[in-house]
């Protein structure tokens, strides 16, 4: 799978394959519970958490209303500090700009911190096609780079990979090391990756990082990491390239602090990540280290088309991953099933916004509409509402599969006739009770095998349909 060749139209097939993959199921069952529990504990420990969410939402709305003004202020600050800002309307523009900077630096190797924007643009493959090796330095990104995969999660790229699979990759890739070494425990794997990558930090001429935020007031880029690889990538090479999308702007340092208070708590359940790094421009006289050149590539790639539409609120996203951590669909099938860079509920909205509804139409349907994604989103993004809006667009444009359109038509015909609806409801209620054989759960039901093949279904309660109970005895 490549960012340049999405497989979003294969979501159903991708999902079936993921559900049948025992390694993916084992990895997902262990990983997600940790995210959920830690986020809940972090939220409970901060009584003003919801008030901070409101403040973060409001400041991002202010940015989106005046995006051009803040971007111009940011560019002026970066330029004043000796840096360079490059505007990329499309992913192709971003690839061209990054390649030109690397070629001008004479780069043969590039170190990369974790960056979803670089994934969106397919930077690694583009550099490789021109003889430049891009080395991922985040541990999760390094693992999936060895496996030839894209991230399956925006903060935990290798969440779908089991420890035995990592060991197998390391033994294959690190064949120069002692074949008898122990790699049975996580500390062993971590130490080996650290040793291998530490050598490569000093070999690269260019470092590429993403940006969690860009501060208009100061011209700084902000990254949050737990491994320190981002700091090494951006400070050891002669050139530092920051890749970020336009909406990552925040007005002031105080605003950046507001977002940071909800970011780590929502993502990993930490009060703050181990490293929070503010970067501004190239090395100055007297600085002991840092890059000689500082470049920021600002990517649009369809985002300004979302402004002023019902999907504008998606641009508040701070890429914490909370929505997917709590999503029952994502937890069942993992990130690769979504077929592009952004998985889970946020991907179900952002992906069709960026690559088009024709290509991404399956993803807004990958939801039970349980509402957990919206309830945990630190920026209060109404994800279910936007997925419903895309489903309506899909139907209006004739992109909904024929069987689904027939089913919706049949439902409309029944639901618009109260007497018929009551009769059908009573019949369905009686039939499902028979299938449950007096139990509380159904293991199979007609037309519902897609659900019951992988989970059970609540049987109707005693006492008739909801309508009959509401009306009560006459």
Protein backbone atom coordinates (compact mmCIF):
# COMPACT_ATOMS: atom_id res chain seq x y z
CA UNK A 1 0.00 0.00 0.00
CA UNK A 2 1.29 3.45 -0.92
CA UNK A 3 0.04 6.95 -0.20
CA UNK A 4 0.12 7.51 -3.95
CA UNK A 5 -2.05 4.44 -4.61
CA UNK A 6 -4.87 4.30 -2.02
CA UNK A 7 -6.84 1.09 -1.56
CA UNK A 8 -9.79 2.73 0.19
CA UNK A 9 -12.26 1.24 -2.30
CA UNK A 10 -11.18 -2.20 -1.02
CA UNK A 11 -12.16 -1.44 2.58
CA UNK A 12 -14.56 -4.39 2.83
CA UNK A 13 -12.02 -6.84 1.46
CA UNK A 14 -9.23 -5.29 3.55
CA UNK A 15 -11.41 -5.64 6.63
CA UNK A 16 -12.19 -9.29 5.99
CA UNK A 17 -8.51 -10.03 5.60
CA UNK A 18 -7.69 -8.17 8.83
CA UNK A 19 -10.40 -10.04 10.76
CA UNK A 20 -8.97 -13.33 9.54
CA UNK A 21 -5.38 -12.37 10.42
CA UNK A 22 -4.58 -13.81 13.86
CA UNK A 23 -1.49 -11.68 14.35
CA UNK A 24 -3.41 -8.46 13.72
CA UNK A 25 -6.23 -9.56 16.01
CA UNK A 26 -3.77 -10.46 18.79
CA UNK A 27 -1.89 -7.18 18.46
CA UNK A 28 -5.02 -5.01 18.36
CA UNK A 29 -6.63 -6.74 21.34
CA UNK A 30 -3.66 -5.92 23.56
CA UNK A 31 -2.82 -2.44 22.32
CA UNK A 32 -6.09 -0.55 22.38
CA UNK A 33 -7.07 -1.26 25.97
CA UNK A 34 -3.94 0.50 27.18
CA UNK A 35 -4.71 3.68 25.27
CA UNK A 36 -8.30 3.77 26.52
CA UNK A 37 -7.48 3.20 30.20
CA UNK A 38 -4.60 5.68 30.24
CA UNK A 39 -6.64 8.39 28.55
CA UNK A 40 -9.47 7.91 31.07
CA UNK A 41 -7.06 8.17 34.01
CA UNK A 42 -5.38 11.29 32.62
CA UNK A 43 -8.71 12.95 31.98
CA UNK A 44 -9.96 12.13 35.49
CA UNK A 45 -6.81 13.61 37.04
CA UNK A 46 -7.43 17.01 35.44
CA UNK A 47 -10.78 18.46 36.61
CA UNK A 48 -10.60 21.33 34.11
CA UNK A 49 -10.00 19.01 31.15
CA UNK A 50 -13.31 19.78 29.45
CA UNK A 51 -12.81 23.52 29.89
CA UNK A 52 -9.42 23.21 28.21
CA UNK A 53 -11.05 21.28 25.37
CA UNK A 54 -13.44 24.15 24.86
CA UNK A 55 -10.59 26.66 24.82
CA UNK A 56 -8.62 24.54 22.34
CA UNK A 57 -11.66 24.21 20.08
CA UNK A 58 -12.28 27.95 20.17
CA UNK A 59 -8.70 28.94 19.37
CA UNK A 60 -8.60 26.57 16.39
CA UNK A 61 -11.88 28.01 15.13
CA UNK A 62 -10.29 31.46 15.35
CA UNK A 63 -7.37 30.17 13.27
CA UNK A 64 -9.64 28.74 10.59
CA UNK A 65 -11.58 32.01 10.33
CA UNK A 66 -8.35 33.96 9.78
CA UNK A 67 -6.04 31.30 8.36
CA UNK A 68 -4.38 33.51 5.76
CA UNK A 69 -3.50 36.18 8.32
CA UNK A 70 -1.85 33.71 10.69
CA UNK A 71 0.04 31.95 7.89
CA UNK A 72 1.47 35.26 6.66
CA UNK A 73 2.53 36.19 10.20
CA UNK A 74 4.19 32.79 10.62
CA UNK A 75 6.06 33.11 7.32
CA UNK A 76 7.34 36.56 8.29
CA UNK A 77 8.68 35.26 11.61
CA UNK A 78 10.39 32.25 10.01
CA UNK A 79 12.02 34.45 7.38
CA UNK A 80 13.20 36.93 10.00
CA UNK A 81 14.91 34.08 11.85
CA UNK A 82 16.79 33.03 8.70
CA UNK A 83 14.51 30.22 7.61
CA UNK A 84 12.63 29.58 4.38
CA UNK A 85 8.92 28.87 3.90
CA UNK A 86 7.78 26.90 0.84
CA UNK A 87 4.12 26.73 -0.20
CA UNK A 88 2.95 23.39 -1.61
CA UNK A 89 -0.52 23.37 -3.12
CA UNK A 90 -0.41 19.63 -3.83
CA UNK A 91 1.47 16.56 -2.67
CA UNK A 92 3.36 16.62 -5.97
CA UNK A 93 4.54 20.16 -5.18
CA UNK A 94 5.72 19.04 -1.74
CA UNK A 95 7.66 16.12 -3.21
CA UNK A 96 9.35 18.42 -5.72
CA UNK A 97 10.27 21.00 -3.07
CA UNK A 98 11.73 18.44 -0.65
CA UNK A 99 13.72 16.75 -3.39
CA UNK A 100 15.17 20.06 -4.57
CA UNK A 101 16.27 20.99 -1.04
CA UNK A 102 17.91 17.58 -0.58
CA UNK A 103 19.66 17.73 -3.94
CA UNK A 104 20.95 21.24 -3.29
CA UNK A 105 22.38 19.96 -0.01
CA UNK A 106 24.07 17.07 -1.83
CA UNK A 107 22.19 14.64 0.36
CA UNK A 108 22.45 10.89 -0.06
CA UNK A 109 20.80 10.03 3.26
CA UNK A 110 17.90 11.65 5.09
CA UNK A 111 16.80 11.00 8.68
CA UNK A 112 13.09 11.34 9.40
CA UNK A 113 11.07 11.91 12.51
CA UNK A 114 7.48 10.67 12.48
CA UNK A 115 5.43 12.74 10.03
CA UNK A 116 1.99 11.90 8.67
CA UNK A 117 2.35 14.69 6.11
CA UNK A 118 5.43 13.01 4.65
CA UNK A 119 3.38 9.80 4.47
CA UNK A 120 0.55 11.66 2.76
CA UNK A 121 2.99 12.97 0.15
CA UNK A 122 4.91 9.71 -0.35
CA UNK A 123 8.24 11.41 0.40
CA UNK A 124 10.25 8.25 1.13
CA UNK A 125 9.46 6.57 -2.18
CA UNK A 126 10.04 9.80 -4.11
CA UNK A 127 13.47 10.34 -2.57
CA UNK A 128 14.39 6.69 -3.12
CA UNK A 129 13.48 7.03 -6.81
CA UNK A 130 16.12 9.77 -7.03
CA UNK A 131 18.88 7.91 -5.21
CA UNK A 132 18.32 9.33 -1.71
CA UNK A 133 17.74 6.98 1.24
CA UNK A 134 15.18 8.13 3.80
CA UNK A 135 15.67 6.49 7.21
CA UNK A 136 12.77 6.42 9.65
CA UNK A 137 14.03 6.97 13.19
CA UNK A 138 10.85 6.58 15.27
CA UNK A 139 10.86 2.98 16.53
CA UNK A 140 7.39 2.19 15.24
CA UNK A 141 8.11 3.84 11.89
CA UNK A 142 11.41 1.96 11.67
CA UNK A 143 9.62 -1.35 12.19
CA UNK A 144 7.04 -0.75 9.49
CA UNK A 145 9.71 0.58 7.13
CA UNK A 146 11.47 -2.77 7.46
CA UNK A 147 8.13 -4.47 6.69
CA UNK A 148 7.42 -2.26 3.67
CA UNK A 149 4.19 -0.95 5.20
CA UNK A 150 2.49 2.32 5.97
CA UNK A 151 1.56 3.28 9.56
CA UNK A 152 -1.58 1.63 10.87
CA UNK A 153 -2.03 4.29 13.58
CA UNK A 154 -1.11 7.97 13.60
CA UNK A 155 0.76 7.85 16.93
CA UNK A 156 1.63 4.14 17.18
CA UNK A 157 2.58 3.18 13.60
CA UNK A 158 3.37 -0.47 14.40
CA UNK A 159 0.47 -1.12 16.76
CA UNK A 160 -0.62 -4.03 14.55
CA UNK A 161 2.73 -5.86 14.79
CA UNK A 162 3.41 -8.52 17.42
CA UNK A 163 6.71 -8.93 19.27
CA UNK A 164 7.64 -12.18 17.45
CA UNK A 165 7.12 -10.40 14.14
CA UNK A 166 9.42 -7.57 15.21
CA UNK A 167 12.06 -10.08 16.29
CA UNK A 168 11.89 -11.79 12.90
CA UNK A 169 12.33 -8.47 11.08
CA UNK A 170 15.31 -7.48 13.24
CA UNK A 171 17.07 -10.81 12.71
CA UNK A 172 16.56 -10.49 8.97
CA UNK A 173 17.64 -6.84 8.72
CA UNK A 174 20.41 -6.86 11.35
CA UNK A 175 22.20 -9.93 10.01
CA UNK A 176 25.57 -8.41 10.91
CA UNK A 177 24.83 -8.85 14.61
CA UNK A 178 25.37 -11.99 16.71
CA UNK A 179 22.88 -14.63 15.56
CA UNK A 180 22.72 -16.05 19.09
CA UNK A 181 21.63 -12.80 20.74
CA UNK A 182 18.43 -12.72 22.76
CA UNK A 183 15.53 -10.70 21.37
CA UNK A 184 12.79 -12.24 23.44
CA UNK A 185 12.02 -9.17 25.54
CA UNK A 186 10.98 -5.64 24.61
CA UNK A 187 14.10 -4.02 26.19
CA UNK A 188 16.29 -6.25 23.97
CA UNK A 189 14.48 -5.09 20.83
CA UNK A 190 14.59 -1.45 21.91
CA UNK A 191 18.32 -1.56 22.67
CA UNK A 192 19.09 -3.15 19.32
CA UNK A 193 17.08 -0.57 17.39
CA UNK A 194 18.72 2.24 19.33
CA UNK A 195 22.19 0.94 18.54
CA UNK A 196 21.50 0.53 14.83
CA UNK A 197 19.79 3.89 14.42
CA UNK A 198 22.31 5.82 16.51
CA UNK A 199 24.97 5.20 13.85
CA UNK A 200 22.68 6.50 11.11
CA UNK A 201 21.93 9.82 12.79
CA UNK A 202 25.45 10.97 11.97
CA UNK A 203 25.37 9.78 8.35
CA UNK A 204 22.51 11.94 7.08
CA UNK A 205 22.90 15.39 5.59
CA UNK A 206 19.21 16.28 5.98
CA UNK A 207 16.63 15.76 8.71
CA UNK A 208 12.88 15.83 8.05
CA UNK A 209 10.30 16.20 10.80
CA UNK A 210 6.62 16.89 10.98
CA UNK A 211 5.06 19.50 13.24
CA UNK A 212 2.36 19.13 15.85
CA UNK A 213 1.95 22.90 15.77
CA UNK A 214 3.32 26.02 14.10
CA UNK A 215 3.29 29.18 16.23
CA UNK A 216 2.43 32.35 14.30
CA UNK A 217 3.65 34.64 17.10
CA UNK A 218 7.21 33.27 17.10
CA UNK A 219 7.69 31.36 13.84
CA UNK A 220 8.46 28.18 15.77
CA UNK A 221 7.59 24.60 14.88
CA UNK A 222 6.63 22.25 17.70
CA UNK A 223 7.09 18.47 17.88
CA UNK A 224 6.16 16.11 20.71
CA UNK A 225 7.95 12.76 21.01
CA UNK A 226 8.76 10.11 23.59
CA UNK A 227 11.99 8.83 22.07
CA UNK A 228 14.05 11.92 21.28
CA UNK A 229 14.52 10.78 17.69
CA UNK A 230 12.85 13.93 16.39
CA UNK A 231 15.40 16.15 18.16
CA UNK A 232 18.32 14.14 16.82
CA UNK A 233 16.91 14.12 13.30
CA UNK A 234 16.45 17.87 13.17
CA UNK A 235 19.65 18.96 14.92
CA UNK A 236 22.40 16.69 13.57
CA UNK A 237 21.97 17.19 9.82
CA UNK A 238 23.10 20.30 7.98
CA UNK A 239 19.54 20.93 6.80
CA UNK A 240 16.26 20.65 8.71
CA UNK A 241 13.00 20.38 6.74
CA UNK A 242 9.69 20.75 8.57
CA UNK A 243 6.66 19.35 6.75
CA UNK A 244 3.28 20.53 8.00
CA UNK A 245 -0.24 21.16 6.75
CA UNK A 246 -1.68 24.66 6.78
CA UNK A 247 -4.10 24.15 9.66
CA UNK A 248 -1.33 23.30 12.15
CA UNK A 249 -1.00 27.03 12.91
CA UNK A 250 -1.80 28.36 16.39
CA UNK A 251 -1.69 32.09 17.15
CA UNK A 252 0.50 32.30 20.27
CA UNK A 253 2.76 30.35 22.61
CA UNK A 254 -0.04 30.44 25.18
CA UNK A 255 -2.35 28.81 22.62
CA UNK A 256 0.29 26.16 21.95
CA UNK A 257 0.39 25.41 25.69
CA UNK A 258 -3.41 25.01 25.71
CA UNK A 259 -3.27 22.42 22.94
CA UNK A 260 -0.38 20.61 24.60
CA UNK A 261 -2.45 20.14 27.77
CA UNK A 262 -5.02 18.05 25.90
CA UNK A 263 -2.76 16.48 23.26
CA UNK A 264 -0.66 14.05 25.29
CA UNK A 265 -3.50 13.21 27.68
CA UNK A 266 -5.73 12.28 24.75
CA UNK A 267 -3.04 10.42 22.82
CA UNK A 268 -1.04 8.37 25.31
CA UNK A 269 -2.52 9.29 28.69
CA UNK A 270 0.58 11.26 29.68
CA UNK A 271 0.50 14.72 31.24
CA UNK A 272 3.14 15.64 28.68
CA UNK A 273 5.34 13.70 26.31
CA UNK A 274 8.97 13.12 27.27
CA UNK A 275 10.17 15.67 24.71
CA UNK A 276 8.34 18.82 23.61
CA UNK A 277 10.62 20.71 21.24
CA UNK A 278 10.25 24.24 19.84
CA UNK A 279 12.44 24.99 16.80
CA UNK A 280 13.00 28.33 15.11
CA UNK A 281 15.31 28.78 12.19
CA UNK A 282 18.87 27.68 11.49
CA UNK A 283 21.80 27.70 13.89
CA UNK A 284 22.70 31.16 15.13
CA UNK A 285 26.14 32.49 16.00
CA UNK A 286 27.13 30.98 19.30
CA UNK A 287 24.73 28.03 19.09
CA UNK A 288 26.56 24.77 19.91
CA UNK A 289 24.56 22.74 17.41
CA UNK A 290 21.64 22.84 15.03
CA UNK A 291 21.13 22.90 11.26
CA UNK A 292 22.74 25.37 8.90
CA UNK A 293 19.49 25.63 6.90
CA UNK A 294 15.88 25.59 8.08
CA UNK A 295 13.02 25.00 5.66
CA UNK A 296 9.27 24.72 6.25
CA UNK A 297 7.08 23.09 3.61
CA UNK A 298 3.43 24.09 4.12
CA UNK A 299 1.01 21.70 2.44
CA UNK A 300 -2.54 22.45 1.32
CA UNK A 301 -3.46 19.33 -0.71
CA UNK A 302 -7.19 20.03 -0.57
CA UNK A 303 -7.51 21.48 2.92
CA UNK A 304 -8.51 25.00 1.88
CA UNK A 305 -11.37 23.42 -0.08
CA UNK A 306 -12.78 22.31 3.29
CA UNK A 307 -12.97 25.85 4.64
CA UNK A 308 -16.50 27.20 4.80
CA UNK A 309 -18.02 23.74 4.30
CA UNK A 310 -19.69 21.28 6.67
CA UNK A 311 -16.30 19.55 6.97
CA UNK A 312 -14.30 22.59 8.11
CA UNK A 313 -14.31 21.43 11.73
CA UNK A 314 -12.19 18.44 10.72
CA UNK A 315 -9.32 20.90 10.34
CA UNK A 316 -9.24 21.30 14.13
CA UNK A 317 -7.77 17.79 14.41
CA UNK A 318 -4.49 17.63 16.35
CA UNK A 319 -3.70 14.01 15.38
CA UNK A 320 -3.92 12.55 18.88
CA UNK A 321 -5.47 9.25 17.78
CA UNK A 322 -8.09 9.20 20.56
CA UNK A 323 -10.93 8.65 18.10
CA UNK A 324 -9.41 5.48 16.68
CA UNK A 325 -8.32 4.24 20.09
CA UNK A 326 -11.98 4.20 21.15
CA UNK A 327 -13.54 3.13 17.84
CA UNK A 328 -14.91 -0.45 17.78
CA UNK A 329 -14.44 -0.66 14.01
CA UNK A 330 -10.80 0.42 14.12
CA UNK A 331 -10.16 -1.88 17.09
CA UNK A 332 -11.50 -4.81 15.05
CA UNK A 333 -9.75 -4.26 11.71
CA UNK A 334 -6.73 -2.03 12.42
CA UNK A 335 -5.48 0.86 10.36
CA UNK A 336 -4.38 -0.76 7.11
CA UNK A 337 -7.94 -1.79 6.27
CA UNK A 338 -8.75 1.88 5.66
CA UNK A 339 -6.41 1.86 2.71
CA UNK A 340 -4.67 5.22 3.08
CA UNK A 341 -2.67 7.37 5.45
CA UNK A 342 -5.39 8.33 7.93
CA UNK A 343 -7.40 5.51 9.57
CA UNK A 344 -10.22 5.41 12.07
CA UNK A 345 -13.01 7.97 12.44
CA UNK A 346 -10.78 10.96 11.66
CA UNK A 347 -9.65 9.19 8.49
CA UNK A 348 -13.25 8.41 7.58
CA UNK A 349 -13.81 12.17 7.27
CA UNK A 350 -10.40 13.51 6.27
CA UNK A 351 -9.64 10.93 3.58
CA UNK A 352 -12.64 11.60 1.30
CA UNK A 353 -12.06 15.31 1.87
CA UNK A 354 -8.52 15.02 0.50
CA UNK A 355 -8.70 12.32 -2.16
CA UNK A 356 -12.35 12.62 -3.19
CA UNK A 357 -15.59 10.89 -2.31
CA UNK A 358 -15.37 8.51 -5.28
CA UNK A 359 -12.14 7.05 -3.88
CA UNK A 360 -12.94 7.35 -0.18
CA UNK A 361 -16.67 6.65 -0.14
CA UNK A 362 -16.41 3.41 1.86
CA UNK A 363 -14.78 5.01 4.89
CA UNK A 364 -17.69 7.14 6.20
CA UNK A 365 -19.65 3.88 6.28
CA UNK A 366 -17.03 2.26 8.54
CA UNK A 367 -18.77 3.36 11.71
CA UNK A 368 -21.35 2.05 14.16
CA UNK A 369 -22.20 5.66 15.10
CA UNK A 370 -21.73 4.81 18.75
CA UNK A 371 -20.41 8.35 19.24
CA UNK A 372 -17.32 7.44 21.27
CA UNK A 373 -15.04 9.23 18.81
CA UNK A 374 -16.78 12.57 19.31
CA UNK A 375 -17.04 12.10 23.07
CA UNK A 376 -13.26 11.69 23.50
CA UNK A 377 -12.02 14.11 20.82
CA UNK A 378 -10.01 16.84 22.58
CA UNK A 379 -11.06 19.34 19.90
CA UNK A 380 -14.76 18.36 20.06
CA UNK A 381 -14.94 17.50 16.36
CA UNK A 382 -18.44 16.18 15.45
CA UNK A 383 -17.11 13.17 13.56
CA UNK A 384 -20.36 11.13 13.37
CA UNK A 385 -22.24 14.11 11.93
CA UNK A 386 -19.65 14.62 9.22
CA UNK A 387 -19.67 10.91 8.37
CA UNK A 388 -23.46 11.12 8.02
CA UNK A 389 -23.02 14.12 5.72
CA UNK A 390 -20.68 12.10 3.51
CA UNK A 391 -23.11 9.19 3.46
CA UNK A 392 -25.82 11.57 2.24
CA UNK A 393 -23.52 12.91 -0.47
CA UNK A 394 -22.66 9.36 -1.49
CA UNK A 395 -26.35 8.52 -1.83
CA UNK A 396 -27.21 11.72 -3.72
CA UNK A 397 -24.39 11.13 -6.21
CA UNK A 398 -25.45 7.54 -6.88
CA UNK A 399 -22.28 6.06 -5.36
CA UNK A 400 -24.08 3.93 -2.78
CA UNK A 401 -24.12 0.22 -3.76
CA UNK A 402 -27.37 -1.00 -5.30
CA UNK A 403 -28.20 -3.36 -2.43
CA UNK A 404 -27.84 -0.56 0.10
CA UNK A 405 -29.97 1.79 -1.99
CA UNK A 406 -32.66 -0.91 -2.27
CA UNK A 407 -32.51 -1.48 1.49
CA UNK A 408 -32.86 2.23 2.25
CA UNK A 409 -35.75 2.45 -0.19
CA UNK A 410 -37.50 -0.48 1.48
CA UNK A 411 -36.93 1.03 4.91
CA UNK A 412 -38.37 4.36 3.76
CA UNK A 413 -41.43 2.63 2.32
CA UNK A 414 -42.09 0.85 5.61
CA UNK A 415 -41.13 3.67 7.98
CA UNK A 416 -43.39 6.18 6.22
CA UNK A 417 -46.46 3.97 6.82
CA UNK A 418 -47.13 3.73 10.58
CA UNK A 419 -49.45 0.74 10.50
CA UNK A 420 -47.13 -1.23 8.24
CA UNK A 421 -44.13 -0.22 10.34
CA UNK A 422 -45.84 -1.46 13.50
CA UNK A 423 -46.73 -4.77 11.94
CA UNK A 424 -43.24 -5.36 10.55
CA UNK A 425 -41.68 -4.40 13.91
CA UNK A 426 -43.85 -6.87 15.79
CA UNK A 427 -43.01 -9.61 13.30
CA UNK A 428 -39.27 -8.90 13.48
CA UNK A 429 -39.40 -8.72 17.28
CA UNK A 430 -41.11 -12.12 17.46
CA UNK A 431 -38.72 -13.71 14.93
CA UNK A 432 -35.57 -12.48 16.68
CA UNK A 433 -36.84 -13.80 20.02
CA UNK A 434 -37.30 -17.21 18.43
CA UNK A 435 -33.76 -17.11 17.02
CA UNK A 436 -32.39 -16.24 20.47
CA UNK A 437 -34.04 -19.35 21.98
CA UNK A 438 -34.83 -17.44 25.14
CA UNK A 439 -31.30 -16.07 25.52
CA UNK A 440 -30.14 -12.46 25.71
CA UNK A 441 -27.85 -12.56 22.66
CA UNK A 442 -28.13 -13.62 19.03
CA UNK A 443 -25.33 -15.56 17.36
CA UNK A 444 -26.93 -15.33 13.91
CA UNK A 445 -29.73 -13.41 12.26
CA UNK A 446 -31.03 -13.08 8.71
CA UNK A 447 -29.27 -10.40 6.62
CA UNK A 448 -26.96 -9.73 9.57
CA UNK A 449 -24.18 -12.26 9.10
CA UNK A 450 -21.71 -9.45 8.46
CA UNK A 451 -22.24 -8.47 12.09
CA UNK A 452 -22.85 -11.81 13.80
CA UNK A 453 -19.91 -13.56 12.13
CA UNK A 454 -17.64 -11.57 14.42
CA UNK A 455 -19.81 -10.46 17.37
CA UNK A 456 -23.16 -11.29 18.91
CA UNK A 457 -26.28 -9.13 18.80
CA UNK A 458 -28.66 -8.20 21.60
CA UNK A 459 -31.93 -10.09 21.46
CA UNK A 460 -35.16 -8.07 21.81
CA UNK A 461 -36.21 -7.64 25.45
CA UNK A 462 -39.39 -9.12 26.80
CA UNK A 463 -42.48 -6.98 26.60
CA UNK A 464 -42.97 -6.36 22.92
CA UNK A 465 -41.69 -3.61 20.66
CA UNK A 466 -40.68 -0.17 21.91
CA UNK A 467 -43.81 1.35 20.42
CA UNK A 468 -46.10 -1.15 22.14
CA UNK A 469 -44.38 -0.56 25.47
CA UNK A 470 -44.60 3.21 25.02
CA UNK A 471 -48.30 3.08 24.27
CA UNK A 472 -48.92 0.85 27.27
CA UNK A 473 -52.17 -0.94 28.09
CA UNK A 474 -55.32 0.65 26.78
